[in-house]
Amino acid sequence: MSALVTEALRRAGVRGIVQAGWSGLHAEGDELLTVQEVPHAWLFRRTAAVIHHAGAGTTAAGLRAGVPAVPSRSSWTSTSGPPASTLWASAVRRFATNA
């Protein structure tokens, strides 16, 4: 996944901040920065866009930031149903198409 993120940012020709988090993502390059824990409310409003794992808190922070927020289904799973990321990604998609 780290290589995919790095390559996508490189091809898009944009700078990126990658939060390693529990997934252990890491991106290297002149225009890339990997961070550990950063308050989403502080960081997201300083970016041009946010691509995130679609957890409830991250989704809310992305929407509050007022920048394009793109939920991306994560690989973590729930034992009681579909991943929460599926729920939040679907909710954002429904909200965006009904606005």
PDB file of N, CA and C in Angstrom:
ATOM      1  N   MET A   1       0.823  -1.183   0.000  1.00  0.00           N
ATOM      2  CA  MET A   1       0.000   0.000   0.000  1.00  0.00           C
ATOM      3  C   MET A   1       0.875   1.257   0.000  1.00  0.00           C
ATOM      4  N   SER A   2       1.984   1.231   0.723  1.00  0.00           N
ATOM      5  CA  SER A   2       2.870   2.392   0.759  1.00  0.00           C
ATOM      6  C   SER A   2       3.388   2.743  -0.630  1.00  0.00           C
ATOM      7  N   ALA A   3       3.765   1.729  -1.396  1.00  0.00           N
ATOM      8  CA  ALA A   3       4.266   1.970  -2.753  1.00  0.00           C
ATOM      9  C   ALA A   3       3.166   2.563  -3.637  1.00  0.00           C
ATOM     10  N   LEU A   4       1.945   2.090  -3.461  1.00  0.00           N
ATOM     11  CA  LEU A   4       0.814   2.605  -4.243  1.00  0.00           C
ATOM     12  C   LEU A   4       0.573   4.082  -3.928  1.00  0.00           C
ATOM     13  N   VAL A   5       0.575   4.431  -2.652  1.00  0.00           N
ATOM     14  CA  VAL A   5       0.372   5.825  -2.244  1.00  0.00           C
ATOM     15  C   VAL A   5       1.488   6.708  -2.789  1.00  0.00           C
ATOM     16  N   THR A   6       2.718   6.258  -2.638  1.00  0.00           N
ATOM     17  CA  THR A   6       3.868   7.022  -3.121  1.00  0.00           C
ATOM     18  C   THR A   6       3.782   7.256  -4.622  1.00  0.00           C
ATOM     19  N   GLU A   7       3.472   6.221  -5.370  1.00  0.00           N
ATOM     20  CA  GLU A   7       3.387   6.325  -6.829  1.00  0.00           C
ATOM     21  C   GLU A   7       2.220   7.221  -7.253  1.00  0.00           C
ATOM     22  N   ALA A   8       1.086   7.104  -6.575  1.00  0.00           N
ATOM     23  CA  ALA A   8      -0.078   7.941  -6.918  1.00  0.00           C
ATOM     24  C   ALA A   8       0.235   9.418  -6.710  1.00  0.00           C
ATOM     25  N   LEU A   9       0.872   9.751  -5.611  1.00  0.00           N
ATOM     26  CA  LEU A   9       1.242  11.147  -5.358  1.00  0.00           C
ATOM     27  C   LEU A   9       2.260  11.642  -6.378  1.00  0.00           C
ATOM     28  N   ARG A  10       3.219  10.785  -6.707  1.00  0.00           N
ATOM     29  CA  ARG A  10       4.231  11.165  -7.693  1.00  0.00           C
ATOM     30  C   ARG A  10       3.590  11.422  -9.047  1.00  0.00           C
ATOM     31  N   ARG A  11       2.720  10.517  -9.481  1.00  0.00           N
ATOM     32  CA  ARG A  11       2.066  10.679 -10.785  1.00  0.00           C
ATOM     33  C   ARG A  11       1.161  11.900 -10.837  1.00  0.00           C
ATOM     34  N   ALA A  12       0.530  12.203  -9.718  1.00  0.00           N
ATOM     35  CA  ALA A  12      -0.359  13.368  -9.667  1.00  0.00           C
ATOM     36  C   ALA A  12       0.442  14.669  -9.612  1.00  0.00           C
ATOM     37  N   GLY A  13       1.716  14.570  -9.277  1.00  0.00           N
ATOM     38  CA  GLY A  13       2.565  15.754  -9.206  1.00  0.00           C
ATOM     39  C   GLY A  13       2.221  16.663  -8.041  1.00  0.00           C
ATOM     40  N   VAL A  14       1.799  16.049  -6.928  1.00  0.00           N
ATOM     41  CA  VAL A  14       1.428  16.833  -5.758  1.00  0.00           C
ATOM     42  C   VAL A  14       2.267  16.416  -4.546  1.00  0.00           C
ATOM     43  N   ARG A  15       2.340  17.317  -3.590  1.00  0.00           N
ATOM     44  CA  ARG A  15       2.984  16.994  -2.322  1.00  0.00           C
ATOM     45  C   ARG A  15       2.010  16.191  -1.482  1.00  0.00           C
ATOM     46  N   GLY A  16       2.517  15.393  -0.577  1.00  0.00           N
ATOM     47  CA  GLY A  16       1.624  14.597   0.251  1.00  0.00           C
ATOM     48  C   GLY A  16       2.147  14.403   1.654  1.00  0.00           C
ATOM     49  N   ILE A  17       1.199  14.315   2.576  1.00  0.00           N
ATOM     50  CA  ILE A  17       1.491  13.945   3.957  1.00  0.00           C
ATOM     51  C   ILE A  17       0.805  12.616   4.187  1.00  0.00           C
ATOM     52  N   VAL A  18       1.568  11.622   4.577  1.00  0.00           N
ATOM     53  CA  VAL A  18       1.035  10.284   4.805  1.00  0.00           C
ATOM     54  C   VAL A  18       1.114   9.998   6.298  1.00  0.00           C
ATOM     55  N   GLN A  19      -0.031   9.709   6.900  1.00  0.00           N
ATOM     56  CA  GLN A  19      -0.033   9.365   8.315  1.00  0.00           C
ATOM     57  C   GLN A  19       0.112   7.862   8.432  1.00  0.00           C
ATOM     58  N   ALA A  20       1.183   7.436   9.058  1.00  0.00           N
ATOM     59  CA  ALA A  20       1.477   6.007   9.177  1.00  0.00           C
ATOM     60  C   ALA A  20       0.368   5.278   9.920  1.00  0.00           C
ATOM     61  N   GLY A  21      -0.046   5.811  11.064  1.00  0.00           N
ATOM     62  CA  GLY A  21      -1.126   5.208  11.829  1.00  0.00           C
ATOM     63  C   GLY A  21      -0.915   3.724  12.087  1.00  0.00           C
ATOM     64  N   TRP A  22      -2.025   3.024  12.317  1.00  0.00           N
ATOM     65  CA  TRP A  22      -1.954   1.597  12.622  1.00  0.00           C
ATOM     66  C   TRP A  22      -1.569   0.764  11.411  1.00  0.00           C
ATOM     67  N   SER A  23      -1.698   1.319  10.220  1.00  0.00           N
ATOM     68  CA  SER A  23      -1.397   0.557   9.005  1.00  0.00           C
ATOM     69  C   SER A  23       0.095   0.501   8.709  1.00  0.00           C
ATOM     70  N   GLY A  24       0.855   1.420   9.305  1.00  0.00           N
ATOM     71  CA  GLY A  24       2.294   1.442   9.063  1.00  0.00           C
ATOM     72  C   GLY A  24       2.681   2.006   7.710  1.00  0.00           C
ATOM     73  N   LEU A  25       1.804   2.796   7.074  1.00  0.00           N
ATOM     74  CA  LEU A  25       2.145   3.400   5.781  1.00  0.00           C
ATOM     75  C   LEU A  25       3.404   4.242   5.907  1.00  0.00           C
ATOM     76  N   HIS A  26       4.148   4.297   4.830  1.00  0.00           N
ATOM     77  CA  HIS A  26       5.350   5.109   4.799  1.00  0.00           C
ATOM     78  C   HIS A  26       5.605   5.541   3.360  1.00  0.00           C
ATOM     79  N   ALA A  27       5.810   6.819   3.160  1.00  0.00           N
ATOM     80  CA  ALA A  27       6.093   7.341   1.826  1.00  0.00           C
ATOM     81  C   ALA A  27       7.404   8.106   1.877  1.00  0.00           C
ATOM     82  N   GLU A  28       8.214   7.928   0.862  1.00  0.00           N
ATOM     83  CA  GLU A  28       9.497   8.617   0.801  1.00  0.00           C
ATOM     84  C   GLU A  28       9.609   9.398  -0.496  1.00  0.00           C
ATOM     85  N   GLY A  29      10.198  10.572  -0.393  1.00  0.00           N
ATOM     86  CA  GLY A  29      10.425  11.394  -1.564  1.00  0.00           C
ATOM     87  C   GLY A  29      10.550  12.844  -1.160  1.00  0.00           C
ATOM     88  N   ASP A  30      11.027  13.653  -2.107  1.00  0.00           N
ATOM     89  CA  ASP A  30      11.231  15.071  -1.826  1.00  0.00           C
ATOM     90  C   ASP A  30       9.944  15.789  -1.484  1.00  0.00           C
ATOM     91  N   GLU A  31       8.836  15.376  -2.037  1.00  0.00           N
ATOM     92  CA  GLU A  31       7.556  16.051  -1.834  1.00  0.00           C
ATOM     93  C   GLU A  31       6.620  15.270  -0.915  1.00  0.00           C
ATOM     94  N   LEU A  32       7.164  14.290  -0.187  1.00  0.00           N
ATOM     95  CA  LEU A  32       6.352  13.432   0.670  1.00  0.00           C
ATOM     96  C   LEU A  32       6.854  13.479   2.109  1.00  0.00           C
ATOM     97  N   LEU A  33       5.932  13.455   3.033  1.00  0.00           N
ATOM     98  CA  LEU A  33       6.259  13.458   4.452  1.00  0.00           C
ATOM     99  C   LEU A  33       5.422  12.401   5.135  1.00  0.00           C
ATOM    100  N   THR A  34       6.055  11.525   5.888  1.00  0.00           N
ATOM    101  CA  THR A  34       5.340  10.536   6.680  1.00  0.00           C
ATOM    102  C   THR A  34       5.332  11.017   8.125  1.00  0.00           C
ATOM    103  N   VAL A  35       4.154  11.029   8.727  1.00  0.00           N
ATOM    104  CA  VAL A  35       4.004  11.461  10.119  1.00  0.00           C
ATOM    105  C   VAL A  35       3.347  10.337  10.915  1.00  0.00           C
ATOM    106  N   GLN A  36       3.435  10.444  12.217  1.00  0.00           N
ATOM    107  CA  GLN A  36       2.759   9.475  13.085  1.00  0.00           C
ATOM    108  C   GLN A  36       1.403  10.054  13.491  1.00  0.00           C
ATOM    109  N   GLU A  37       1.281  10.529  14.701  1.00  0.00           N
ATOM    110  CA  GLU A  37       0.011  11.074  15.159  1.00  0.00           C
ATOM    111  C   GLU A  37      -0.027  12.580  14.967  1.00  0.00           C
ATOM    112  N   VAL A  38      -1.060  13.044  14.281  1.00  0.00           N
ATOM    113  CA  VAL A  38      -1.290  14.466  14.037  1.00  0.00           C
ATOM    114  C   VAL A  38      -2.788  14.703  14.210  1.00  0.00           C
ATOM    115  N   PRO A  39      -3.180  15.750  14.931  1.00  0.00           N
ATOM    116  CA  PRO A  39      -4.608  16.023  15.075  1.00  0.00           C
ATOM    117  C   PRO A  39      -5.256  16.316  13.706  1.00  0.00           C
ATOM    118  N   HIS A  40      -6.235  15.520  13.341  1.00  0.00           N
ATOM    119  CA  HIS A  40      -6.891  15.699  12.042  1.00  0.00           C
ATOM    120  C   HIS A  40      -7.506  17.080  11.898  1.00  0.00           C
ATOM    121  N   ALA A  41      -8.115  17.589  12.964  1.00  0.00           N
ATOM    122  CA  ALA A  41      -8.758  18.901  12.899  1.00  0.00           C
ATOM    123  C   ALA A  41      -7.744  19.990  12.545  1.00  0.00           C
ATOM    124  N   TRP A  42      -6.530  19.839  13.011  1.00  0.00           N
ATOM    125  CA  TRP A  42      -5.477  20.821  12.720  1.00  0.00           C
ATOM    126  C   TRP A  42      -4.932  20.625  11.303  1.00  0.00           C
ATOM    127  N   LEU A  43      -4.653  19.385  10.937  1.00  0.00           N
ATOM    128  CA  LEU A  43      -3.985  19.094   9.667  1.00  0.00           C
ATOM    129  C   LEU A  43      -4.899  19.268   8.459  1.00  0.00           C
ATOM    130  N   PHE A  44      -6.092  18.703   8.491  1.00  0.00           N
ATOM    131  CA  PHE A  44      -6.939  18.647   7.305  1.00  0.00           C
ATOM    132  C   PHE A  44      -7.298  20.017   6.756  1.00  0.00           C
ATOM    133  N   ARG A  45      -7.521  20.984   7.607  1.00  0.00           N
ATOM    134  CA  ARG A  45      -7.900  22.311   7.104  1.00  0.00           C
ATOM    135  C   ARG A  45      -6.728  23.036   6.445  1.00  0.00           C
ATOM    136  N   ARG A  46      -5.540  22.480   6.557  1.00  0.00           N
ATOM    137  CA  ARG A  46      -4.354  23.063   5.930  1.00  0.00           C
ATOM    138  C   ARG A  46      -3.973  22.354   4.632  1.00  0.00           C
ATOM    139  N   THR A  47      -4.809  21.442   4.170  1.00  0.00           N
ATOM    140  CA  THR A  47      -4.505  20.674   2.966  1.00  0.00           C
ATOM    141  C   THR A  47      -5.464  21.035   1.834  1.00  0.00           C
ATOM    142  N   ALA A  48      -5.084  20.661   0.626  1.00  0.00           N
ATOM    143  CA  ALA A  48      -5.950  20.894  -0.535  1.00  0.00           C
ATOM    144  C   ALA A  48      -7.028  19.825  -0.637  1.00  0.00           C
ATOM    145  N   ALA A  49      -6.755  18.636  -0.106  1.00  0.00           N
ATOM    146  CA  ALA A  49      -7.706  17.523  -0.127  1.00  0.00           C
ATOM    147  C   ALA A  49      -7.242  16.477   0.879  1.00  0.00           C
ATOM    148  N   VAL A  50      -8.162  15.593   1.235  1.00  0.00           N
ATOM    149  CA  VAL A  50      -7.859  14.528   2.192  1.00  0.00           C
ATOM    150  C   VAL A  50      -8.361  13.209   1.617  1.00  0.00           C
ATOM    151  N   ILE A  51      -7.489  12.225   1.555  1.00  0.00           N
ATOM    152  CA  ILE A  51      -7.898  10.858   1.224  1.00  0.00           C
ATOM    153  C   ILE A  51      -7.676  10.070   2.498  1.00  0.00           C
ATOM    154  N   HIS A  52      -8.729   9.426   2.994  1.00  0.00           N
ATOM    155  CA  HIS A  52      -8.638   8.825   4.319  1.00  0.00           C
ATOM    156  C   HIS A  52      -9.284   7.447   4.373  1.00  0.00           C
ATOM    157  N   HIS A  53      -9.092   6.767   5.489  1.00  0.00           N
ATOM    158  CA  HIS A  53      -9.532   5.383   5.644  1.00  0.00           C
ATOM    159  C   HIS A  53     -11.015   5.230   5.923  1.00  0.00           C
ATOM    160  N   ALA A  54     -11.740   6.307   6.088  1.00  0.00           N
ATOM    161  CA  ALA A  54     -13.199   6.308   6.235  1.00  0.00           C
ATOM    162  C   ALA A  54     -13.688   5.815   7.596  1.00  0.00           C
ATOM    163  N   GLY A  55     -12.891   6.003   8.631  1.00  0.00           N
ATOM    164  CA  GLY A  55     -13.392   5.761   9.978  1.00  0.00           C
ATOM    165  C   GLY A  55     -14.315   6.915  10.361  1.00  0.00           C
ATOM    166  N   ALA A  56     -15.122   6.732  11.384  1.00  0.00           N
ATOM    167  CA  ALA A  56     -16.103   7.745  11.777  1.00  0.00           C
ATOM    168  C   ALA A  56     -15.458   9.077  12.125  1.00  0.00           C
ATOM    169  N   GLY A  57     -14.441   9.072  12.970  1.00  0.00           N
ATOM    170  CA  GLY A  57     -13.797  10.311  13.387  1.00  0.00           C
ATOM    171  C   GLY A  57     -13.058  11.002  12.263  1.00  0.00           C
ATOM    172  N   THR A  58     -12.365  10.228  11.459  1.00  0.00           N
ATOM    173  CA  THR A  58     -11.610  10.796  10.344  1.00  0.00           C
ATOM    174  C   THR A  58     -12.560  11.354   9.294  1.00  0.00           C
ATOM    175  N   THR A  59     -13.652  10.657   9.038  1.00  0.00           N
ATOM    176  CA  THR A  59     -14.645  11.148   8.088  1.00  0.00           C
ATOM    177  C   THR A  59     -15.217  12.474   8.566  1.00  0.00           C
ATOM    178  N   ALA A  60     -15.572  12.554   9.841  1.00  0.00           N
ATOM    179  CA  ALA A  60     -16.126  13.791  10.398  1.00  0.00           C
ATOM    180  C   ALA A  60     -15.110  14.928  10.301  1.00  0.00           C
ATOM    181  N   ALA A  61     -13.851  14.660  10.638  1.00  0.00           N
ATOM    182  CA  ALA A  61     -12.809  15.695  10.567  1.00  0.00           C
ATOM    183  C   ALA A  61     -12.609  16.157   9.134  1.00  0.00           C
ATOM    184  N   GLY A  62     -12.657  15.241   8.187  1.00  0.00           N
ATOM    185  CA  GLY A  62     -12.509  15.597   6.778  1.00  0.00           C
ATOM    186  C   GLY A  62     -13.641  16.486   6.300  1.00  0.00           C
ATOM    187  N   LEU A  63     -14.852  16.174   6.699  1.00  0.00           N
ATOM    188  CA  LEU A  63     -16.007  16.988   6.298  1.00  0.00           C
ATOM    189  C   LEU A  63     -15.966  18.364   6.953  1.00  0.00           C
ATOM    190  N   ARG A  64     -15.576  18.420   8.232  1.00  0.00           N
ATOM    191  CA  ARG A  64     -15.495  19.706   8.935  1.00  0.00           C
ATOM    192  C   ARG A  64     -14.403  20.599   8.365  1.00  0.00           C
ATOM    193  N   ALA A  65     -13.367  20.019   7.774  1.00  0.00           N
ATOM    194  CA  ALA A  65     -12.242  20.801   7.266  1.00  0.00           C
ATOM    195  C   ALA A  65     -12.629  21.671   6.078  1.00  0.00           C
ATOM    196  N   GLY A  66     -13.686  21.311   5.387  1.00  0.00           N
ATOM    197  CA  GLY A  66     -14.135  22.112   4.256  1.00  0.00           C
ATOM    198  C   GLY A  66     -13.290  21.957   3.009  1.00  0.00           C
ATOM    199  N   VAL A  67     -12.566  20.865   2.894  1.00  0.00           N
ATOM    200  CA  VAL A  67     -11.775  20.566   1.698  1.00  0.00           C
ATOM    201  C   VAL A  67     -12.300  19.256   1.120  1.00  0.00           C
ATOM    202  N   PRO A  68     -12.022  18.965  -0.153  1.00  0.00           N
ATOM    203  CA  PRO A  68     -12.456  17.676  -0.689  1.00  0.00           C
ATOM    204  C   PRO A  68     -11.947  16.533   0.185  1.00  0.00           C
ATOM    205  N   ALA A  69     -12.839  15.679   0.620  1.00  0.00           N
ATOM    206  CA  ALA A  69     -12.495  14.539   1.467  1.00  0.00           C
ATOM    207  C   ALA A  69     -12.953  13.272   0.767  1.00  0.00           C
ATOM    208  N   VAL A  70     -12.017  12.412   0.440  1.00  0.00           N
ATOM    209  CA  VAL A  70     -12.298  11.198  -0.329  1.00  0.00           C
ATOM    210  C   VAL A  70     -12.118   9.984   0.573  1.00  0.00           C
ATOM    211  N   PRO A  71     -13.214   9.332   0.956  1.00  0.00           N
ATOM    212  CA  PRO A  71     -13.083   8.133   1.772  1.00  0.00           C
ATOM    213  C   PRO A  71     -12.622   6.955   0.932  1.00  0.00           C
ATOM    214  N   SER A  72     -11.704   6.192   1.473  1.00  0.00           N
ATOM    215  CA  SER A  72     -11.189   5.012   0.788  1.00  0.00           C
ATOM    216  C   SER A  72     -11.363   3.829   1.731  1.00  0.00           C
ATOM    217  N   ARG A  73     -12.095   2.837   1.307  1.00  0.00           N
ATOM    218  CA  ARG A  73     -12.342   1.686   2.195  1.00  0.00           C
ATOM    219  C   ARG A  73     -11.038   1.121   2.714  1.00  0.00           C
ATOM    220  N   SER A  74     -11.010   0.871   3.995  1.00  0.00           N
ATOM    221  CA  SER A  74      -9.804   0.312   4.600  1.00  0.00           C
ATOM    222  C   SER A  74      -9.909  -1.199   4.673  1.00  0.00           C
ATOM    223  N   SER A  75      -8.828  -1.825   5.067  1.00  0.00           N
ATOM    224  CA  SER A  75      -8.798  -3.282   5.087  1.00  0.00           C
ATOM    225  C   SER A  75      -9.185  -3.869   6.438  1.00  0.00           C
ATOM    226  N   TRP A  76      -9.383  -3.037   7.468  1.00  0.00           N
ATOM    227  CA  TRP A  76      -9.761  -3.606   8.760  1.00  0.00           C
ATOM    228  C   TRP A  76     -11.207  -4.054   8.713  1.00  0.00           C
ATOM    229  N   THR A  77     -11.514  -5.063   9.465  1.00  0.00           N
ATOM    230  CA  THR A  77     -12.836  -5.666   9.387  1.00  0.00           C
ATOM    231  C   THR A  77     -13.529  -5.660  10.744  1.00  0.00           C
ATOM    232  N   SER A  78     -14.799  -5.876  10.712  1.00  0.00           N
ATOM    233  CA  SER A  78     -15.619  -5.976  11.910  1.00  0.00           C
ATOM    234  C   SER A  78     -16.132  -7.396  12.018  1.00  0.00           C
ATOM    235  N   THR A  79     -16.264  -7.895  13.235  1.00  0.00           N
ATOM    236  CA  THR A  79     -16.803  -9.248  13.404  1.00  0.00           C
ATOM    237  C   THR A  79     -18.320  -9.246  13.390  1.00  0.00           C
ATOM    238  N   SER A  80     -18.936  -8.073  13.444  1.00  0.00           N
ATOM    239  CA  SER A  80     -20.402  -8.017  13.526  1.00  0.00           C
ATOM    240  C   SER A  80     -21.047  -7.445  12.266  1.00  0.00           C
ATOM    241  N   GLY A  81     -20.340  -7.425  11.174  1.00  0.00           N
ATOM    242  CA  GLY A  81     -20.925  -6.909   9.942  1.00  0.00           C
ATOM    243  C   GLY A  81     -19.859  -6.337   9.038  1.00  0.00           C
ATOM    244  N   PRO A  82     -20.276  -5.531   8.063  1.00  0.00           N
ATOM    245  CA  PRO A  82     -19.302  -4.966   7.139  1.00  0.00           C
ATOM    246  C   PRO A  82     -18.397  -3.964   7.851  1.00  0.00           C
ATOM    247  N   PRO A  83     -17.220  -3.710   7.288  1.00  0.00           N
ATOM    248  CA  PRO A  83     -16.318  -2.749   7.906  1.00  0.00           C
ATOM    249  C   PRO A  83     -16.994  -1.393   8.075  1.00  0.00           C
ATOM    250  N   ALA A  84     -16.677  -0.713   9.171  1.00  0.00           N
ATOM    251  CA  ALA A  84     -17.240   0.617   9.408  1.00  0.00           C
ATOM    252  C   ALA A  84     -16.879   1.561   8.278  1.00  0.00           C
ATOM    253  N   SER A  85     -15.715   1.341   7.660  1.00  0.00           N
ATOM    254  CA  SER A  85     -15.307   2.212   6.566  1.00  0.00           C
ATOM    255  C   SER A  85     -16.296   2.151   5.412  1.00  0.00           C
ATOM    256  N   THR A  86     -16.910   0.991   5.194  1.00  0.00           N
ATOM    257  CA  THR A  86     -17.925   0.862   4.146  1.00  0.00           C
ATOM    258  C   THR A  86     -19.128   1.736   4.481  1.00  0.00           C
ATOM    259  N   LEU A  87     -19.547   1.722   5.725  1.00  0.00           N
ATOM    260  CA  LEU A  87     -20.681   2.531   6.167  1.00  0.00           C
ATOM    261  C   LEU A  87     -20.401   4.012   5.945  1.00  0.00           C
ATOM    262  N   TRP A  88     -19.248   4.496   6.406  1.00  0.00           N
ATOM    263  CA  TRP A  88     -18.954   5.926   6.317  1.00  0.00           C
ATOM    264  C   TRP A  88     -18.661   6.360   4.891  1.00  0.00           C
ATOM    265  N   ALA A  89     -17.988   5.532   4.112  1.00  0.00           N
ATOM    266  CA  ALA A  89     -17.740   5.870   2.708  1.00  0.00           C
ATOM    267  C   ALA A  89     -19.065   5.975   1.959  1.00  0.00           C
ATOM    268  N   SER A  90     -19.991   5.058   2.233  1.00  0.00           N
ATOM    269  CA  SER A  90     -21.301   5.098   1.584  1.00  0.00           C
ATOM    270  C   SER A  90     -22.088   6.329   2.014  1.00  0.00           C
ATOM    271  N   ALA A  91     -22.011   6.684   3.293  1.00  0.00           N
ATOM    272  CA  ALA A  91     -22.735   7.855   3.787  1.00  0.00           C
ATOM    273  C   ALA A  91     -22.230   9.126   3.119  1.00  0.00           C
ATOM    274  N   VAL A  92     -20.920   9.256   2.969  1.00  0.00           N
ATOM    275  CA  VAL A  92     -20.353  10.442   2.316  1.00  0.00           C
ATOM    276  C   VAL A  92     -20.776  10.483   0.852  1.00  0.00           C
ATOM    277  N   ARG A  93     -20.752   9.348   0.182  1.00  0.00           N
ATOM    278  CA  ARG A  93     -21.163   9.297  -1.219  1.00  0.00           C
ATOM    279  C   ARG A  93     -22.627   9.714  -1.364  1.00  0.00           C
ATOM    280  N   ARG A  94     -23.506   9.207  -0.489  1.00  0.00           N
ATOM    281  CA  ARG A  94     -24.921   9.577  -0.545  1.00  0.00           C
ATOM    282  C   ARG A  94     -25.111  11.064  -0.268  1.00  0.00           C
ATOM    283  N   PHE A  95     -24.396  11.586   0.713  1.00  0.00           N
ATOM    284  CA  PHE A  95     -24.491  13.009   1.062  1.00  0.00           C
ATOM    285  C   PHE A  95     -24.029  13.872  -0.114  1.00  0.00           C
ATOM    286  N   ALA A  96     -22.916  13.505  -0.714  1.00  0.00           N
ATOM    287  CA  ALA A  96     -22.359  14.302  -1.829  1.00  0.00           C
ATOM    288  C   ALA A  96     -23.273  14.293  -3.041  1.00  0.00           C
ATOM    289  N   THR A  97     -23.923  13.182  -3.306  1.00  0.00           N
ATOM    290  CA  THR A  97     -24.770  13.111  -4.501  1.00  0.00           C
ATOM    291  C   THR A  97     -26.156  13.712  -4.258  1.00  0.00           C
ATOM    292  N   ASN A  98     -26.527  13.914  -2.993  1.00  0.00           N
ATOM    293  CA  ASN A  98     -27.834  14.496  -2.676  1.00  0.00           C
ATOM    294  C   ASN A  98     -27.736  15.977  -2.305  1.00  0.00           C
ATOM    295  N   ALA A  99     -26.566  16.538  -2.364  1.00  0.00           N
ATOM    296  CA  ALA A  99     -26.389  17.943  -1.958  1.00  0.00           C
ATOM    297  C   ALA A  99     -26.934  18.897  -2.990  1.00  0.00           C
TER     298      ALA A  99
END
